[in-house]
N, C-alpha and C. Protein backbone atom coordinates (compact mmCIF):
# COMPACT_ATOMS: atom_id res chain seq x y z
N UNK A 1 90.08 139.24 129.13
CA UNK A 1 91.48 139.58 129.09
C UNK A 1 92.29 138.70 130.04
N UNK A 2 93.40 138.13 129.57
CA UNK A 2 94.15 137.23 130.44
C UNK A 2 94.95 137.96 131.52
N UNK A 3 95.28 139.22 131.29
CA UNK A 3 96.08 139.96 132.26
C UNK A 3 95.32 141.19 132.72
N UNK A 4 95.55 141.55 133.99
CA UNK A 4 94.92 142.77 134.51
C UNK A 4 95.91 143.49 135.41
N UNK A 5 95.74 144.78 135.55
CA UNK A 5 96.60 145.58 136.41
C UNK A 5 95.78 146.14 137.55
N UNK A 6 96.43 146.43 138.67
CA UNK A 6 95.67 147.00 139.79
C UNK A 6 95.15 148.39 139.45
N UNK A 7 94.11 148.75 140.12
CA UNK A 7 93.49 150.06 139.91
C UNK A 7 94.47 151.17 140.29
N UNK A 8 94.69 152.14 139.42
CA UNK A 8 95.56 153.27 139.67
C UNK A 8 97.04 152.99 139.43
N UNK A 9 97.38 151.85 138.85
CA UNK A 9 98.78 151.48 138.62
C UNK A 9 99.46 152.46 137.65
N UNK A 10 98.78 152.75 136.56
CA UNK A 10 99.38 153.62 135.55
C UNK A 10 99.36 155.09 135.96
N UNK A 11 98.53 155.47 136.90
CA UNK A 11 98.49 156.85 137.36
C UNK A 11 99.78 157.22 138.11
N UNK A 12 100.29 156.29 138.92
CA UNK A 12 101.50 156.58 139.69
C UNK A 12 102.76 156.04 139.02
N UNK A 13 102.65 155.43 137.85
CA UNK A 13 103.79 154.84 137.16
C UNK A 13 104.83 155.89 136.77
N UNK A 14 104.39 157.01 136.23
CA UNK A 14 105.32 158.05 135.80
C UNK A 14 106.13 158.58 136.98
N UNK A 15 105.51 158.75 138.10
CA UNK A 15 106.20 159.24 139.30
C UNK A 15 107.24 158.22 139.76
N UNK A 16 106.89 156.96 139.76
CA UNK A 16 107.83 155.91 140.19
C UNK A 16 109.00 155.78 139.21
N UNK A 17 108.73 155.88 137.92
CA UNK A 17 109.80 155.79 136.92
C UNK A 17 110.75 156.97 137.00
N UNK A 18 110.24 158.15 137.25
CA UNK A 18 111.11 159.32 137.34
C UNK A 18 111.92 159.30 138.64
N UNK A 19 111.49 158.54 139.62
CA UNK A 19 112.21 158.44 140.89
C UNK A 19 113.42 157.51 140.79
N UNK A 20 113.48 156.63 139.82
CA UNK A 20 114.56 155.64 139.70
C UNK A 20 115.93 156.28 139.52
N UNK A 21 116.15 157.20 138.60
CA UNK A 21 117.51 157.77 138.46
C UNK A 21 117.96 158.59 139.66
N UNK A 22 117.06 159.09 140.44
CA UNK A 22 117.46 159.92 141.57
C UNK A 22 117.98 159.10 142.75
N UNK A 23 117.71 157.84 142.76
CA UNK A 23 118.22 156.98 143.83
C UNK A 23 119.71 156.74 143.61
N UNK A 24 120.45 156.91 144.66
CA UNK A 24 121.88 156.64 144.56
C UNK A 24 122.13 155.21 145.00
N UNK A 25 122.93 154.54 144.21
CA UNK A 25 123.22 153.14 144.51
C UNK A 25 124.65 153.04 145.02
N UNK A 26 124.81 152.44 146.17
CA UNK A 26 126.13 152.26 146.74
C UNK A 26 126.69 150.92 146.31
N UNK A 27 127.99 150.90 146.08
CA UNK A 27 128.66 149.66 145.69
C UNK A 27 128.89 148.82 146.94
N UNK A 28 128.61 147.55 146.85
CA UNK A 28 128.73 146.64 147.98
C UNK A 28 130.09 145.94 147.93
N UNK A 29 130.96 146.27 148.86
CA UNK A 29 132.29 145.68 148.92
C UNK A 29 132.34 144.39 149.74
N UNK A 30 131.26 144.04 150.40
CA UNK A 30 131.27 142.90 151.32
C UNK A 30 131.72 141.60 150.66
N UNK A 31 131.21 141.22 149.48
CA UNK A 31 131.68 139.95 148.90
C UNK A 31 133.17 139.97 148.56
N UNK A 32 133.67 141.13 148.12
CA UNK A 32 135.07 141.22 147.76
C UNK A 32 135.97 141.16 149.00
N UNK A 33 135.54 141.78 150.08
CA UNK A 33 136.29 141.71 151.32
C UNK A 33 136.30 140.29 151.88
N UNK A 34 135.17 139.60 151.77
CA UNK A 34 135.09 138.22 152.23
C UNK A 34 136.01 137.32 151.40
N UNK A 35 136.06 137.54 150.09
CA UNK A 35 136.94 136.76 149.23
C UNK A 35 138.41 137.02 149.56
N UNK A 36 138.76 138.28 149.77
CA UNK A 36 140.14 138.62 150.13
C UNK A 36 140.51 138.01 151.49
N UNK A 37 139.60 138.04 152.44
CA UNK A 37 139.87 137.45 153.74
C UNK A 37 140.04 135.94 153.63
N UNK A 38 139.24 135.31 152.77
CA UNK A 38 139.37 133.86 152.56
C UNK A 38 140.72 133.51 151.97
N UNK A 39 141.17 134.28 150.99
CA UNK A 39 142.48 134.04 150.39
C UNK A 39 143.59 134.25 151.42
N UNK A 40 143.46 135.27 152.25
CA UNK A 40 144.48 135.54 153.26
C UNK A 40 144.56 134.40 154.27
N UNK A 41 143.42 133.91 154.71
CA UNK A 41 143.40 132.79 155.66
C UNK A 41 143.99 131.54 155.02
N UNK A 42 143.63 131.26 153.77
CA UNK A 42 144.16 130.09 153.08
C UNK A 42 145.67 130.21 152.90
N UNK A 43 146.15 131.38 152.55
CA UNK A 43 147.59 131.60 152.38
C UNK A 43 148.34 131.43 153.69
N UNK A 44 147.82 131.99 154.76
CA UNK A 44 148.47 131.86 156.06
C UNK A 44 148.46 130.41 156.56
N UNK A 45 147.35 129.74 156.37
CA UNK A 45 147.26 128.34 156.80
C UNK A 45 148.20 127.46 155.99
N UNK A 46 148.25 127.67 154.68
CA UNK A 46 149.15 126.89 153.84
C UNK A 46 150.60 127.15 154.18
N UNK A 47 150.95 128.40 154.43
CA UNK A 47 152.32 128.76 154.81
C UNK A 47 152.69 128.13 156.14
N UNK A 48 151.78 128.15 157.09
CA UNK A 48 152.04 127.55 158.40
C UNK A 48 152.26 126.04 158.26
N UNK A 49 151.41 125.38 157.50
CA UNK A 49 151.55 123.93 157.32
C UNK A 49 152.85 123.60 156.60
N UNK A 50 153.18 124.36 155.57
CA UNK A 50 154.41 124.12 154.83
C UNK A 50 155.64 124.32 155.71
N UNK A 51 155.67 125.39 156.46
CA UNK A 51 156.82 125.67 157.33
C UNK A 51 156.92 124.64 158.46
N UNK A 52 155.79 124.21 158.97
CA UNK A 52 155.78 123.23 160.05
C UNK A 52 156.31 121.89 159.56
N UNK A 53 155.93 121.50 158.34
CA UNK A 53 156.36 120.19 157.83
C UNK A 53 157.82 120.19 157.42
N UNK A 54 158.35 121.30 156.92
CA UNK A 54 159.75 121.34 156.51
C UNK A 54 160.69 121.62 157.67
N UNK A 55 160.25 122.29 158.70
CA UNK A 55 161.11 122.63 159.83
C UNK A 55 161.37 121.40 160.70
N UNK A 56 160.48 120.44 160.69
CA UNK A 56 160.63 119.27 161.54
C UNK A 56 161.64 118.27 160.98
N UNK A 57 161.97 118.36 159.71
CA UNK A 57 162.81 117.35 159.08
C UNK A 57 164.02 117.98 158.41
N UNK A 58 165.06 118.30 159.17
CA UNK A 58 166.26 118.84 158.52
C UNK A 58 166.97 117.75 157.73
N UNK A 59 167.67 118.14 156.69
CA UNK A 59 168.37 117.18 155.86
C UNK A 59 169.61 116.68 156.59
N UNK A 60 169.77 115.38 156.61
CA UNK A 60 170.95 114.78 157.24
C UNK A 60 172.08 114.72 156.22
N UNK A 61 173.27 114.41 156.71
CA UNK A 61 174.42 114.27 155.81
C UNK A 61 174.20 113.14 154.80
N UNK A 62 173.57 112.06 155.27
CA UNK A 62 173.29 110.93 154.38
C UNK A 62 172.33 111.33 153.27
N UNK A 63 171.34 112.15 153.60
CA UNK A 63 170.38 112.62 152.59
C UNK A 63 171.08 113.48 151.54
N UNK A 64 172.01 114.32 152.00
CA UNK A 64 172.72 115.20 151.07
C UNK A 64 173.62 114.38 150.15
N UNK A 65 174.33 113.42 150.71
CA UNK A 65 175.20 112.57 149.90
C UNK A 65 174.38 111.78 148.89
N UNK A 66 173.25 111.22 149.33
CA UNK A 66 172.38 110.45 148.42
C UNK A 66 171.86 111.34 147.29
N UNK A 67 171.50 112.57 147.61
CA UNK A 67 171.02 113.48 146.57
C UNK A 67 172.11 113.80 145.56
N UNK A 68 173.33 114.04 146.06
CA UNK A 68 174.43 114.37 145.15
C UNK A 68 174.77 113.20 144.23
N UNK A 69 174.70 111.99 144.76
CA UNK A 69 174.97 110.80 143.95
C UNK A 69 173.89 110.64 142.88
N UNK A 70 172.62 110.77 143.29
CA UNK A 70 171.51 110.58 142.35
C UNK A 70 171.45 111.68 141.30
N UNK A 71 171.88 112.88 141.65
CA UNK A 71 171.80 113.99 140.69
C UNK A 71 172.93 113.95 139.67
N UNK A 72 173.96 113.13 139.94
CA UNK A 72 175.06 113.02 139.00
C UNK A 72 176.06 114.15 139.11
N UNK A 73 176.12 114.78 140.25
CA UNK A 73 177.08 115.87 140.46
C UNK A 73 178.50 115.30 140.52
N UNK A 74 179.41 115.88 139.77
CA UNK A 74 180.79 115.38 139.74
C UNK A 74 181.61 116.04 140.83
N UNK A 75 182.77 115.45 141.10
CA UNK A 75 183.66 116.03 142.11
C UNK A 75 184.18 117.40 141.67
N UNK A 76 184.39 117.56 140.37
CA UNK A 76 184.84 118.86 139.86
C UNK A 76 183.79 119.94 140.13
N UNK A 77 182.54 119.61 139.96
CA UNK A 77 181.47 120.58 140.23
C UNK A 77 181.42 120.92 141.72
N UNK A 78 181.60 119.91 142.56
CA UNK A 78 181.60 120.16 144.01
C UNK A 78 182.78 121.03 144.41
N UNK A 79 183.96 120.76 143.84
CA UNK A 79 185.13 121.58 144.16
C UNK A 79 184.92 123.02 143.71
N UNK A 80 184.35 123.21 142.54
CA UNK A 80 184.06 124.57 142.07
C UNK A 80 183.09 125.29 143.01
N UNK A 81 182.10 124.57 143.46
CA UNK A 81 181.10 125.19 144.34
C UNK A 81 181.71 125.54 145.69
N UNK A 82 182.58 124.67 146.20
CA UNK A 82 183.16 124.90 147.54
C UNK A 82 184.20 126.01 147.47
N UNK A 83 185.05 126.00 146.48
CA UNK A 83 186.15 126.95 146.43
C UNK A 83 185.77 128.30 145.85
N UNK A 84 184.61 128.42 145.23
CA UNK A 84 184.15 129.70 144.72
C UNK A 84 183.67 130.62 145.85
N UNK A 85 183.32 130.04 146.96
CA UNK A 85 182.82 130.84 148.07
C UNK A 85 183.94 131.12 148.98
């Protein structure tokens, strides 16, 4: 015979099989908590880097004028925007 079982294996098999449903299995939250913590750290780090890079470079008047020229904003649109507020 190519396969063999240990002596007395089948004698205790029924007892071991009936014991399986009685074991209570707890759900493991550890991987999910680790994933949530990783996302939180990544979000905080990205927010810090983004705020640090944009806070150091305020827009100058020349930058604003250049943007308005390139965007094709007309004087009428600027007057509407200024006088509406």
